[in-house]
PDB file of N, CA and C in Angstrom:
ATOM      1  N   UNK A   1     -67.231   6.366 -10.352  1.00  0.00           N
ATOM      2  CA  UNK A   1     -65.932   5.843  -9.328  1.00  0.00           C
ATOM      3  C   UNK A   1     -65.404   7.287  -9.277  1.00  0.00           C
ATOM      4  N   UNK A   2     -64.805   7.767  -8.299  1.00  0.00           N
ATOM      5  CA  UNK A   2     -64.012   8.738  -7.931  1.00  0.00           C
ATOM      6  C   UNK A   2     -62.717   8.578  -7.582  1.00  0.00           C
ATOM      7  N   UNK A   3     -61.824   8.974  -8.418  1.00  0.00           N
ATOM      8  CA  UNK A   3     -60.127   8.727  -8.109  1.00  0.00           C
ATOM      9  C   UNK A   3     -59.728   9.816  -7.424  1.00  0.00           C
ATOM     10  N   UNK A   4     -59.134   9.677  -6.076  1.00  0.00           N
ATOM     11  CA  UNK A   4     -58.789  10.688  -5.413  1.00  0.00           C
ATOM     12  C   UNK A   4     -57.055  10.855  -5.145  1.00  0.00           C
ATOM     13  N   UNK A   5     -56.350   9.621  -5.931  1.00  0.00           N
ATOM     14  CA  UNK A   5     -55.048   9.414  -5.777  1.00  0.00           C
ATOM     15  C   UNK A   5     -54.487   8.963  -7.046  1.00  0.00           C
ATOM     16  N   UNK A   6     -53.376   9.336  -7.344  1.00  0.00           N
ATOM     17  CA  UNK A   6     -52.634   8.839  -8.615  1.00  0.00           C
ATOM     18  C   UNK A   6     -52.273   7.229  -8.156  1.00  0.00           C
ATOM     19  N   UNK A   7     -52.618   6.270  -9.014  1.00  0.00           N
ATOM     20  CA  UNK A   7     -52.697   4.975  -8.907  1.00  0.00           C
ATOM     21  C   UNK A   7     -51.093   4.600  -8.795  1.00  0.00           C
ATOM     22  N   UNK A   8     -50.186   5.398  -9.234  1.00  0.00           N
ATOM     23  CA  UNK A   8     -48.675   4.882  -8.978  1.00  0.00           C
ATOM     24  C   UNK A   8     -47.974   5.437  -7.783  1.00  0.00           C
ATOM     25  N   UNK A   9     -48.718   6.618  -7.196  1.00  0.00           N
ATOM     26  CA  UNK A   9     -47.998   7.136  -6.044  1.00  0.00           C
ATOM     27  C   UNK A   9     -49.117   7.659  -5.130  1.00  0.00           C
ATOM     28  N   UNK A  10     -49.779   6.376  -4.523  1.00  0.00           N
ATOM     29  CA  UNK A  10     -50.826   6.825  -3.594  1.00  0.00           C
ATOM     30  C   UNK A  10     -50.231   7.351  -2.201  1.00  0.00           C
ATOM     31  N   UNK A  11     -50.992   8.122  -1.626  1.00  0.00           N
ATOM     32  CA  UNK A  11     -50.482   8.956  -0.491  1.00  0.00           C
ATOM     33  C   UNK A  11     -50.804   8.576   0.864  1.00  0.00           C
ATOM     34  N   UNK A  12     -51.556   7.480   0.913  1.00  0.00           N
ATOM     35  CA  UNK A  12     -52.049   6.614   2.117  1.00  0.00           C
ATOM     36  C   UNK A  12     -52.590   7.768   3.105  1.00  0.00           C
ATOM     37  N   UNK A  13     -53.249   8.687   2.694  1.00  0.00           N
ATOM     38  CA  UNK A  13     -53.762   9.704   3.600  1.00  0.00           C
ATOM     39  C   UNK A  13     -54.847   8.984   4.750  1.00  0.00           C
ATOM     40  N   UNK A  14     -55.364   8.058   4.038  1.00  0.00           N
ATOM     41  CA  UNK A  14     -56.471   7.369   5.069  1.00  0.00           C
ATOM     42  C   UNK A  14     -55.757   6.272   6.149  1.00  0.00           C
ATOM     43  N   UNK A  15     -54.357   6.411   5.905  1.00  0.00           N
ATOM     44  CA  UNK A  15     -53.749   5.422   6.547  1.00  0.00           C
ATOM     45  C   UNK A  15     -52.148   6.098   7.358  1.00  0.00           C
ATOM     46  N   UNK A  16     -52.658   6.898   8.171  1.00  0.00           N
ATOM     47  CA  UNK A  16     -51.455   7.410   9.069  1.00  0.00           C
ATOM     48  C   UNK A  16     -50.255   6.729   9.441  1.00  0.00           C
ATOM     49  N   UNK A  17     -50.594   5.284   9.771  1.00  0.00           N
ATOM     50  CA  UNK A  17     -49.404   4.508  10.148  1.00  0.00           C
ATOM     51  C   UNK A  17     -48.673   4.085   8.996  1.00  0.00           C
ATOM     52  N   UNK A  18     -49.305   3.599   8.011  1.00  0.00           N
ATOM     53  CA  UNK A  18     -48.695   3.341   6.882  1.00  0.00           C
ATOM     54  C   UNK A  18     -47.869   4.604   6.088  1.00  0.00           C
ATOM     55  N   UNK A  19     -48.457   5.548   6.316  1.00  0.00           N
ATOM     56  CA  UNK A  19     -47.779   7.025   5.589  1.00  0.00           C
ATOM     57  C   UNK A  19     -46.268   7.204   6.261  1.00  0.00           C
ATOM     58  N   UNK A  20     -46.276   6.967   7.835  1.00  0.00           N
ATOM     59  CA  UNK A  20     -45.507   7.187   8.500  1.00  0.00           C
ATOM     60  C   UNK A  20     -44.258   6.121   8.329  1.00  0.00           C
ATOM     61  N   UNK A  21     -44.699   4.891   8.311  1.00  0.00           N
ATOM     62  CA  UNK A  21     -43.703   3.960   7.764  1.00  0.00           C
ATOM     63  C   UNK A  21     -43.028   3.966   6.656  1.00  0.00           C
ATOM     64  N   UNK A  22     -43.752   4.636   5.479  1.00  0.00           N
ATOM     65  CA  UNK A  22     -43.108   4.895   4.266  1.00  0.00           C
ATOM     66  C   UNK A  22     -42.228   6.056   4.421  1.00  0.00           C
ATOM     67  N   UNK A  23     -42.632   7.206   5.100  1.00  0.00           N
ATOM     68  CA  UNK A  23     -41.535   8.166   5.365  1.00  0.00           C
ATOM     69  C   UNK A  23     -40.319   7.679   6.072  1.00  0.00           C
ATOM     70  N   UNK A  24     -40.593   6.673   7.087  1.00  0.00           N
ATOM     71  CA  UNK A  24     -39.408   6.258   7.821  1.00  0.00           C
ATOM     72  C   UNK A  24     -38.548   5.304   6.704  1.00  0.00           C
ATOM     73  N   UNK A  25     -39.031   4.598   6.093  1.00  0.00           N
ATOM     74  CA  UNK A  25     -38.351   3.789   5.404  1.00  0.00           C
ATOM     75  C   UNK A  25     -37.653   4.799   4.094  1.00  0.00           C
ATOM     76  N   UNK A  26     -38.283   5.503   3.633  1.00  0.00           N
ATOM     77  CA  UNK A  26     -37.612   6.585   2.706  1.00  0.00           C
ATOM     78  C   UNK A  26     -36.359   7.234   3.288  1.00  0.00           C
ATOM     79  N   UNK A  27     -36.478   7.545   4.570  1.00  0.00           N
ATOM     80  CA  UNK A  27     -35.452   8.075   5.324  1.00  0.00           C
ATOM     81  C   UNK A  27     -34.207   7.070   5.343  1.00  0.00           C
ATOM     82  N   UNK A  28     -34.352   6.186   5.662  1.00  0.00           N
ATOM     83  CA  UNK A  28     -33.524   4.967   5.851  1.00  0.00           C
ATOM     84  C   UNK A  28     -33.039   4.891   4.318  1.00  0.00           C
ATOM     85  N   UNK A  29     -33.666   4.830   3.391  1.00  0.00           N
ATOM     86  CA  UNK A  29     -33.076   4.522   1.919  1.00  0.00           C
ATOM     87  C   UNK A  29     -32.178   5.751   1.477  1.00  0.00           C
ATOM     88  N   UNK A  30     -32.666   6.863   1.713  1.00  0.00           N
ATOM     89  CA  UNK A  30     -31.884   7.865   1.699  1.00  0.00           C
ATOM     90  C   UNK A  30     -30.451   7.885   2.132  1.00  0.00           C
ATOM     91  N   UNK A  31     -30.566   7.429   3.416  1.00  0.00           N
ATOM     92  CA  UNK A  31     -29.066   7.409   4.257  1.00  0.00           C
ATOM     93  C   UNK A  31     -28.358   6.202   3.502  1.00  0.00           C
ATOM     94  N   UNK A  32     -28.993   5.062   3.438  1.00  0.00           N
ATOM     95  CA  UNK A  32     -28.285   3.978   2.926  1.00  0.00           C
ATOM     96  C   UNK A  32     -27.568   4.195   1.729  1.00  0.00           C
ATOM     97  N   UNK A  33     -28.312   4.764   0.506  1.00  0.00           N
ATOM     98  CA  UNK A  33     -27.843   4.950  -0.790  1.00  0.00           C
ATOM     99  C   UNK A  33     -27.067   6.151  -1.002  1.00  0.00           C
ATOM    100  N   UNK A  34     -27.217   7.296  -0.136  1.00  0.00           N
ATOM    101  CA  UNK A  34     -26.474   8.716  -0.332  1.00  0.00           C
ATOM    102  C   UNK A  34     -25.245   8.776   0.460  1.00  0.00           C
ATOM    103  N   UNK A  35     -25.627   8.201   2.133  1.00  0.00           N
ATOM    104  CA  UNK A  35     -24.476   8.653   2.951  1.00  0.00           C
ATOM    105  C   UNK A  35     -23.792   7.340   3.612  1.00  0.00           C
ATOM    106  N   UNK A  36     -24.247   6.336   3.724  1.00  0.00           N
ATOM    107  CA  UNK A  36     -23.716   5.207   4.323  1.00  0.00           C
ATOM    108  C   UNK A  36     -22.404   4.950   3.545  1.00  0.00           C
ATOM    109  N   UNK A  37     -21.400   4.602   4.488  1.00  0.00           N
ATOM    110  CA  UNK A  37     -20.104   4.152   3.709  1.00  0.00           C
ATOM    111  C   UNK A  37     -19.193   5.000   2.979  1.00  0.00           C
ATOM    112  N   UNK A  38     -19.610   6.240   3.158  1.00  0.00           N
ATOM    113  CA  UNK A  38     -18.922   7.360   2.448  1.00  0.00           C
ATOM    114  C   UNK A  38     -17.595   7.781   3.316  1.00  0.00           C
ATOM    115  N   UNK A  39     -16.516   7.823   2.797  1.00  0.00           N
ATOM    116  CA  UNK A  39     -15.313   8.287   3.564  1.00  0.00           C
ATOM    117  C   UNK A  39     -14.699   9.204   2.736  1.00  0.00           C
ATOM    118  N   UNK A  40     -14.444  10.084   3.684  1.00  0.00           N
ATOM    119  CA  UNK A  40     -13.678  11.294   3.218  1.00  0.00           C
ATOM    120  C   UNK A  40     -12.397  11.173   2.611  1.00  0.00           C
ATOM    121  N   UNK A  41     -11.928  11.567   1.483  1.00  0.00           N
ATOM    122  CA  UNK A  41     -10.836  11.426   0.844  1.00  0.00           C
ATOM    123  C   UNK A  41     -10.244  12.802   0.243  1.00  0.00           C
ATOM    124  N   UNK A  42      -9.062  13.391   0.663  1.00  0.00           N
ATOM    125  CA  UNK A  42      -8.481  14.662   0.138  1.00  0.00           C
ATOM    126  C   UNK A  42      -7.850  14.529  -1.063  1.00  0.00           C
ATOM    127  N   UNK A  43      -7.717  15.071  -1.977  1.00  0.00           N
ATOM    128  CA  UNK A  43      -7.021  15.242  -2.987  1.00  0.00           C
ATOM    129  C   UNK A  43      -5.895  15.721  -2.891  1.00  0.00           C
ATOM    130  N   UNK A  44      -4.723  15.143  -3.390  1.00  0.00           N
ATOM    131  CA  UNK A  44      -3.271  15.393  -3.247  1.00  0.00           C
ATOM    132  C   UNK A  44      -3.056  16.652  -4.003  1.00  0.00           C
ATOM    133  N   UNK A  45      -3.738  16.699  -5.232  1.00  0.00           N
ATOM    134  CA  UNK A  45      -3.410  17.822  -5.884  1.00  0.00           C
ATOM    135  C   UNK A  45      -3.905  19.276  -5.735  1.00  0.00           C
ATOM    136  N   UNK A  46      -5.156  19.462  -5.294  1.00  0.00           N
ATOM    137  CA  UNK A  46      -5.913  20.578  -4.867  1.00  0.00           C
ATOM    138  C   UNK A  46      -6.242  20.811  -3.423  1.00  0.00           C
ATOM    139  N   UNK A  47      -5.935  19.706  -2.556  1.00  0.00           N
ATOM    140  CA  UNK A  47      -6.413  19.552  -1.283  1.00  0.00           C
ATOM    141  C   UNK A  47      -7.936  19.827  -0.909  1.00  0.00           C
ATOM    142  N   UNK A  48      -8.850  19.632  -2.060  1.00  0.00           N
ATOM    143  CA  UNK A  48     -10.213  19.253  -1.953  1.00  0.00           C
ATOM    144  C   UNK A  48     -10.591  18.074  -1.194  1.00  0.00           C
ATOM    145  N   UNK A  49     -11.794  18.084  -0.187  1.00  0.00           N
ATOM    146  CA  UNK A  49     -12.087  16.746   0.451  1.00  0.00           C
ATOM    147  C   UNK A  49     -13.475  16.363  -0.410  1.00  0.00           C
ATOM    148  N   UNK A  50     -13.463  15.122  -0.858  1.00  0.00           N
ATOM    149  CA  UNK A  50     -14.689  14.677  -1.311  1.00  0.00           C
ATOM    150  C   UNK A  50     -14.874  13.403  -0.282  1.00  0.00           C
ATOM    151  N   UNK A  51     -16.316  13.146  -0.520  1.00  0.00           N
ATOM    152  CA  UNK A  51     -16.734  11.700  -0.011  1.00  0.00           C
ATOM    153  C   UNK A  51     -16.824  10.639  -0.971  1.00  0.00           C
ATOM    154  N   UNK A  52     -16.417   9.701  -0.752  1.00  0.00           N
ATOM    155  CA  UNK A  52     -16.068   8.379  -1.619  1.00  0.00           C
ATOM    156  C   UNK A  52     -16.792   7.094  -1.115  1.00  0.00           C
ATOM    157  N   UNK A  53     -17.316   6.221  -1.849  1.00  0.00           N
ATOM    158  CA  UNK A  53     -17.606   4.912  -1.497  1.00  0.00           C
ATOM    159  C   UNK A  53     -17.220   4.132  -2.659  1.00  0.00           C
ATOM    160  N   UNK A  54     -16.607   3.113  -2.348  1.00  0.00           N
ATOM    161  CA  UNK A  54     -16.044   2.082  -3.476  1.00  0.00           C
ATOM    162  C   UNK A  54     -16.990   1.010  -3.388  1.00  0.00           C
ATOM    163  N   UNK A  55     -17.915   0.781  -4.297  1.00  0.00           N
ATOM    164  CA  UNK A  55     -18.657  -0.320  -4.308  1.00  0.00           C
ATOM    165  C   UNK A  55     -18.252  -1.617  -5.013  1.00  0.00           C
ATOM    166  N   UNK A  56     -17.024  -1.590  -5.721  1.00  0.00           N
ATOM    167  CA  UNK A  56     -16.146  -2.337  -6.444  1.00  0.00           C
ATOM    168  C   UNK A  56     -14.881  -2.036  -6.836  1.00  0.00           C
ATOM    169  N   UNK A  57     -14.244  -2.552  -7.207  1.00  0.00           N
ATOM    170  CA  UNK A  57     -12.784  -2.165  -7.757  1.00  0.00           C
ATOM    171  C   UNK A  57     -13.017  -1.133  -8.977  1.00  0.00           C
ATOM    172  N   UNK A  58     -14.156  -1.368  -9.738  1.00  0.00           N
ATOM    173  CA  UNK A  58     -14.475  -0.605 -10.889  1.00  0.00           C
ATOM    174  C   UNK A  58     -15.433   0.483 -10.507  1.00  0.00           C
ATOM    175  N   UNK A  59     -16.301   0.421  -9.617  1.00  0.00           N
ATOM    176  CA  UNK A  59     -17.306   1.404  -9.231  1.00  0.00           C
ATOM    177  C   UNK A  59     -17.118   2.168  -7.870  1.00  0.00           C
ATOM    178  N   UNK A  60     -16.921   3.395  -8.495  1.00  0.00           N
ATOM    179  CA  UNK A  60     -16.688   4.396  -7.277  1.00  0.00           C
ATOM    180  C   UNK A  60     -17.836   5.632  -7.371  1.00  0.00           C
ATOM    181  N   UNK A  61     -18.287   5.971  -6.279  1.00  0.00           N
ATOM    182  CA  UNK A  61     -19.308   6.981  -6.236  1.00  0.00           C
ATOM    183  C   UNK A  61     -18.425   8.031  -5.332  1.00  0.00           C
ATOM    184  N   UNK A  62     -18.750   9.157  -5.841  1.00  0.00           N
ATOM    185  CA  UNK A  62     -17.964  10.405  -5.455  1.00  0.00           C
ATOM    186  C   UNK A  62     -19.061  11.458  -5.226  1.00  0.00           C
ATOM    187  N   UNK A  63     -19.031  12.047  -3.860  1.00  0.00           N
ATOM    188  CA  UNK A  63     -19.955  13.368  -3.560  1.00  0.00           C
ATOM    189  C   UNK A  63     -18.699  14.470  -3.173  1.00  0.00           C
ATOM    190  N   UNK A  64     -19.049  15.508  -3.989  1.00  0.00           N
ATOM    191  CA  UNK A  64     -18.120  16.775  -3.646  1.00  0.00           C
ATOM    192  C   UNK A  64     -18.786  17.331  -2.372  1.00  0.00           C
ATOM    193  N   UNK A  65     -18.032  17.927  -1.595  1.00  0.00           N
ATOM    194  CA  UNK A  65     -18.444  18.745  -0.502  1.00  0.00           C
ATOM    195  C   UNK A  65     -18.474  19.959  -0.843  1.00  0.00           C
ATOM    196  N   UNK A  66     -17.926  20.742  -1.873  1.00  0.00           N
ATOM    197  CA  UNK A  66     -17.887  22.058  -2.319  1.00  0.00           C
ATOM    198  C   UNK A  66     -18.048  22.062  -3.770  1.00  0.00           C
ATOM    199  N   UNK A  67     -18.269  23.075  -4.401  1.00  0.00           N
ATOM    200  CA  UNK A  67     -18.228  23.333  -5.731  1.00  0.00           C
ATOM    201  C   UNK A  67     -16.704  22.942  -6.413  1.00  0.00           C
ATOM    202  N   UNK A  68     -16.655  21.914  -7.424  1.00  0.00           N
ATOM    203  CA  UNK A  68     -15.425  21.450  -7.798  1.00  0.00           C
ATOM    204  C   UNK A  68     -14.728  22.420  -8.500  1.00  0.00           C
ATOM    205  N   UNK A  69     -15.325  23.333  -9.243  1.00  0.00           N
ATOM    206  CA  UNK A  69     -14.832  24.092  -9.996  1.00  0.00           C
ATOM    207  C   UNK A  69     -14.135  25.401  -9.351  1.00  0.00           C
ATOM    208  N   UNK A  70     -14.517  25.279  -7.984  1.00  0.00           N
ATOM    209  CA  UNK A  70     -13.879  26.175  -7.314  1.00  0.00           C
ATOM    210  C   UNK A  70     -12.448  25.894  -6.419  1.00  0.00           C
ATOM    211  N   UNK A  71     -12.519  24.596  -6.491  1.00  0.00           N
ATOM    212  CA  UNK A  71     -11.298  24.124  -5.715  1.00  0.00           C
ATOM    213  C   UNK A  71     -10.272  23.324  -6.934  1.00  0.00           C
ATOM    214  N   UNK A  72     -10.757  22.765  -7.776  1.00  0.00           N
ATOM    215  CA  UNK A  72     -10.030  21.890  -8.844  1.00  0.00           C
ATOM    216  C   UNK A  72      -9.818  22.445 -10.050  1.00  0.00           C
ATOM    217  N   UNK A  73      -8.491  22.573 -10.142  1.00  0.00           N
ATOM    218  CA  UNK A  73      -8.280  23.219 -11.753  1.00  0.00           C
ATOM    219  C   UNK A  73      -8.881  22.321 -12.901  1.00  0.00           C
ATOM    220  N   UNK A  74      -8.771  21.247 -12.808  1.00  0.00           N
ATOM    221  CA  UNK A  74      -9.147  20.225 -14.004  1.00  0.00           C
ATOM    222  C   UNK A  74     -10.682  20.550 -14.295  1.00  0.00           C
ATOM    223  N   UNK A  75     -11.577  20.756 -13.083  1.00  0.00           N
ATOM    224  CA  UNK A  75     -12.818  21.061 -13.300  1.00  0.00           C
ATOM    225  C   UNK A  75     -13.218  22.344 -13.769  1.00  0.00           C
ATOM    226  N   UNK A  76     -12.288  23.336 -13.126  1.00  0.00           N
ATOM    227  CA  UNK A  76     -12.419  24.729 -13.526  1.00  0.00           C
ATOM    228  C   UNK A  76     -12.118  25.176 -14.920  1.00  0.00           C
ATOM    229  N   UNK A  77     -11.261  24.304 -15.656  1.00  0.00           N
ATOM    230  CA  UNK A  77     -10.650  24.517 -16.757  1.00  0.00           C
ATOM    231  C   UNK A  77     -11.603  23.837 -17.921  1.00  0.00           C
ATOM    232  N   UNK A  78     -12.417  22.793 -17.490  1.00  0.00           N
ATOM    233  CA  UNK A  78     -13.276  22.094 -18.205  1.00  0.00           C
ATOM    234  C   UNK A  78     -14.392  22.817 -18.855  1.00  0.00           C
ATOM    235  N   UNK A  79     -14.804  22.621 -20.232  1.00  0.00           N
ATOM    236  CA  UNK A  79     -16.031  23.616 -20.898  1.00  0.00           C
ATOM    237  C   UNK A  79     -17.427  23.178 -20.604  1.00  0.00           C
ATOM    238  N   UNK A  80     -18.000  23.692 -19.638  1.00  0.00           N
ATOM    239  CA  UNK A  80     -19.402  23.711 -19.135  1.00  0.00           C
ATOM    240  C   UNK A  80     -19.668  22.359 -18.450  1.00  0.00           C
ATOM    241  N   UNK A  81     -20.791  22.332 -17.618  1.00  0.00           N
ATOM    242  CA  UNK A  81     -21.140  21.293 -16.710  1.00  0.00           C
ATOM    243  C   UNK A  81     -21.395  19.920 -17.462  1.00  0.00           C
ATOM    244  N   UNK A  82     -21.173  18.739 -16.732  1.00  0.00           N
ATOM    245  CA  UNK A  82     -21.440  17.508 -17.551  1.00  0.00           C
ATOM    246  C   UNK A  82     -21.140  16.446 -16.624  1.00  0.00           C
ATOM    247  N   UNK A  83     -21.721  15.248 -16.640  1.00  0.00           N
ATOM    248  CA  UNK A  83     -21.485  13.966 -16.027  1.00  0.00           C
ATOM    249  C   UNK A  83     -20.169  13.596 -16.675  1.00  0.00           C
ATOM    250  N   UNK A  84     -19.407  12.751 -16.193  1.00  0.00           N
ATOM    251  CA  UNK A  84     -18.465  11.963 -16.824  1.00  0.00           C
ATOM    252  C   UNK A  84     -17.005  13.065 -16.754  1.00  0.00           C
ATOM    253  N   UNK A  85     -16.839  14.086 -16.126  1.00  0.00           N
ATOM    254  CA  UNK A  85     -15.611  14.852 -15.921  1.00  0.00           C
ATOM    255  C   UNK A  85     -14.839  14.175 -14.915  1.00  0.00           C
ATOM    256  N   UNK A  86     -13.744  14.110 -14.953  1.00  0.00           N
ATOM    257  CA  UNK A  86     -13.008  13.542 -13.789  1.00  0.00           C
ATOM    258  C   UNK A  86     -11.656  14.311 -13.619  1.00  0.00           C
ATOM    259  N   UNK A  87     -10.803  14.036 -12.359  1.00  0.00           N
ATOM    260  CA  UNK A  87      -9.712  14.508 -12.326  1.00  0.00           C
ATOM    261  C   UNK A  87      -8.701  13.469 -11.990  1.00  0.00           C
ATOM    262  N   UNK A  88      -7.560  13.531 -12.986  1.00  0.00           N
ATOM    263  CA  UNK A  88      -6.546  12.287 -12.754  1.00  0.00           C
ATOM    264  C   UNK A  88      -5.889  12.450 -11.196  1.00  0.00           C
ATOM    265  N   UNK A  89      -5.812  13.696 -10.703  1.00  0.00           N
ATOM    266  CA  UNK A  89      -5.083  13.711  -9.546  1.00  0.00           C
ATOM    267  C   UNK A  89      -6.055  13.145  -8.381  1.00  0.00           C
ATOM    268  N   UNK A  90      -7.418  13.456  -8.428  1.00  0.00           N
ATOM    269  CA  UNK A  90      -8.271  12.992  -7.562  1.00  0.00           C
ATOM    270  C   UNK A  90      -8.357  11.396  -7.632  1.00  0.00           C
ATOM    271  N   UNK A  91      -8.584  10.988  -8.687  1.00  0.00           N
ATOM    272  CA  UNK A  91      -8.502   9.658  -8.931  1.00  0.00           C
ATOM    273  C   UNK A  91      -7.385   9.139  -8.476  1.00  0.00           C
ATOM    274  N   UNK A  92      -6.100   9.330  -8.474  1.00  0.00           N
ATOM    275  CA  UNK A  92      -4.870   8.738  -7.797  1.00  0.00           C
ATOM    276  C   UNK A  92      -5.057   8.813  -6.567  1.00  0.00           C
ATOM    277  N   UNK A  93      -5.512   9.920  -5.828  1.00  0.00           N
ATOM    278  CA  UNK A  93      -5.449  10.020  -4.546  1.00  0.00           C
ATOM    279  C   UNK A  93      -6.682   8.942  -3.843  1.00  0.00           C
ATOM    280  N   UNK A  94      -7.781   8.625  -4.618  1.00  0.00           N
ATOM    281  CA  UNK A  94      -8.634   7.548  -4.152  1.00  0.00           C
ATOM    282  C   UNK A  94      -8.164   6.255  -4.407  1.00  0.00           C
ATOM    283  N   UNK A  95      -7.350   6.214  -5.314  1.00  0.00           N
ATOM    284  CA  UNK A  95      -6.688   4.957  -5.577  1.00  0.00           C
ATOM    285  C   UNK A  95      -5.693   4.457  -4.388  1.00  0.00           C
ATOM    286  N   UNK A  96      -4.843   5.682  -4.091  1.00  0.00           N
ATOM    287  CA  UNK A  96      -3.781   5.679  -2.956  1.00  0.00           C
ATOM    288  C   UNK A  96      -4.688   5.216  -1.596  1.00  0.00           C
ATOM    289  N   UNK A  97      -5.757   6.064  -1.410  1.00  0.00           N
ATOM    290  CA  UNK A  97      -6.559   5.618  -0.280  1.00  0.00           C
ATOM    291  C   UNK A  97      -7.124   4.294  -0.118  1.00  0.00           C
ATOM    292  N   UNK A  98      -7.305   3.680  -1.250  1.00  0.00           N
ATOM    293  CA  UNK A  98      -7.845   2.153  -1.252  1.00  0.00           C
ATOM    294  C   UNK A  98      -6.498   1.273  -1.073  1.00  0.00           C
ATOM    295  N   UNK A  99      -5.241   1.770  -1.641  1.00  0.00           N
ATOM    296  CA  UNK A  99      -4.187   0.758  -1.420  1.00  0.00           C
ATOM    297  C   UNK A  99      -3.449   0.771   0.047  1.00  0.00           C
ATOM    298  N   UNK A 100      -3.683   1.984   0.689  1.00  0.00           N
ATOM    299  CA  UNK A 100      -3.173   2.083   2.145  1.00  0.00           C
ATOM    300  C   UNK A 100      -4.113   1.628   3.223  1.00  0.00           C
ATOM    301  N   UNK A 101      -5.483   1.105   2.527  1.00  0.00           N
ATOM    302  CA  UNK A 101      -6.427   0.663   3.354  1.00  0.00           C
ATOM    303  C   UNK A 101      -7.359   1.827   4.314  1.00  0.00           C
ATOM    304  N   UNK A 102      -7.124   2.928   3.817  1.00  0.00           N
ATOM    305  CA  UNK A 102      -7.960   4.042   4.032  1.00  0.00           C
ATOM    306  C   UNK A 102      -9.362   4.070   3.642  1.00  0.00           C
ATOM    307  N   UNK A 103      -9.676   3.508   2.265  1.00  0.00           N
ATOM    308  CA  UNK A 103     -10.919   3.469   1.978  1.00  0.00           C
ATOM    309  C   UNK A 103     -11.142   1.941   1.548  1.00  0.00           C
ATOM    310  N   UNK A 104     -12.121   1.621   2.237  1.00  0.00           N
ATOM    311  CA  UNK A 104     -12.512   0.146   1.881  1.00  0.00           C
ATOM    312  C   UNK A 104     -13.350  -0.112   0.612  1.00  0.00           C
ATOM    313  N   UNK A 105     -13.087  -1.366   0.015  1.00  0.00           N
ATOM    314  CA  UNK A 105     -13.799  -1.638  -1.182  1.00  0.00           C
ATOM    315  C   UNK A 105     -15.063  -2.703  -0.836  1.00  0.00           C
ATOM    316  N   UNK A 106     -16.223  -2.276  -1.112  1.00  0.00           N
ATOM    317  CA  UNK A 106     -17.283  -3.404  -0.690  1.00  0.00           C
ATOM    318  C   UNK A 106     -17.096  -4.738  -1.488  1.00  0.00           C
ATOM    319  N   UNK A 107     -17.661  -5.825  -1.143  1.00  0.00           N
ATOM    320  CA  UNK A 107     -17.615  -6.930  -1.676  1.00  0.00           C
ATOM    321  C   UNK A 107     -18.581  -7.294  -2.701  1.00  0.00           C
TER     322      UNK A 107
END
């Protein structure tokens, strides 16, 4: 028996239509999970603009459009990189956008 593909990640080289369909679905998924529903929000503290999606009142996704250490003093002063860092002024700007109806919260 000759194995030409890894079982968990087949390439579908023998089936170009299936391969094209998978590439198209991957592009759709990428858009859905990374770009769709993102709303620009400007921080009242440093004027940086981030892309935000509110999945629920408790869950917020934020994508910085620039390096946060270059525009936000709270990020610039933080020791080292890492997840979980946040900026109170940005959080307040996001909450304000929700209250003003400029940032929708998904159901």
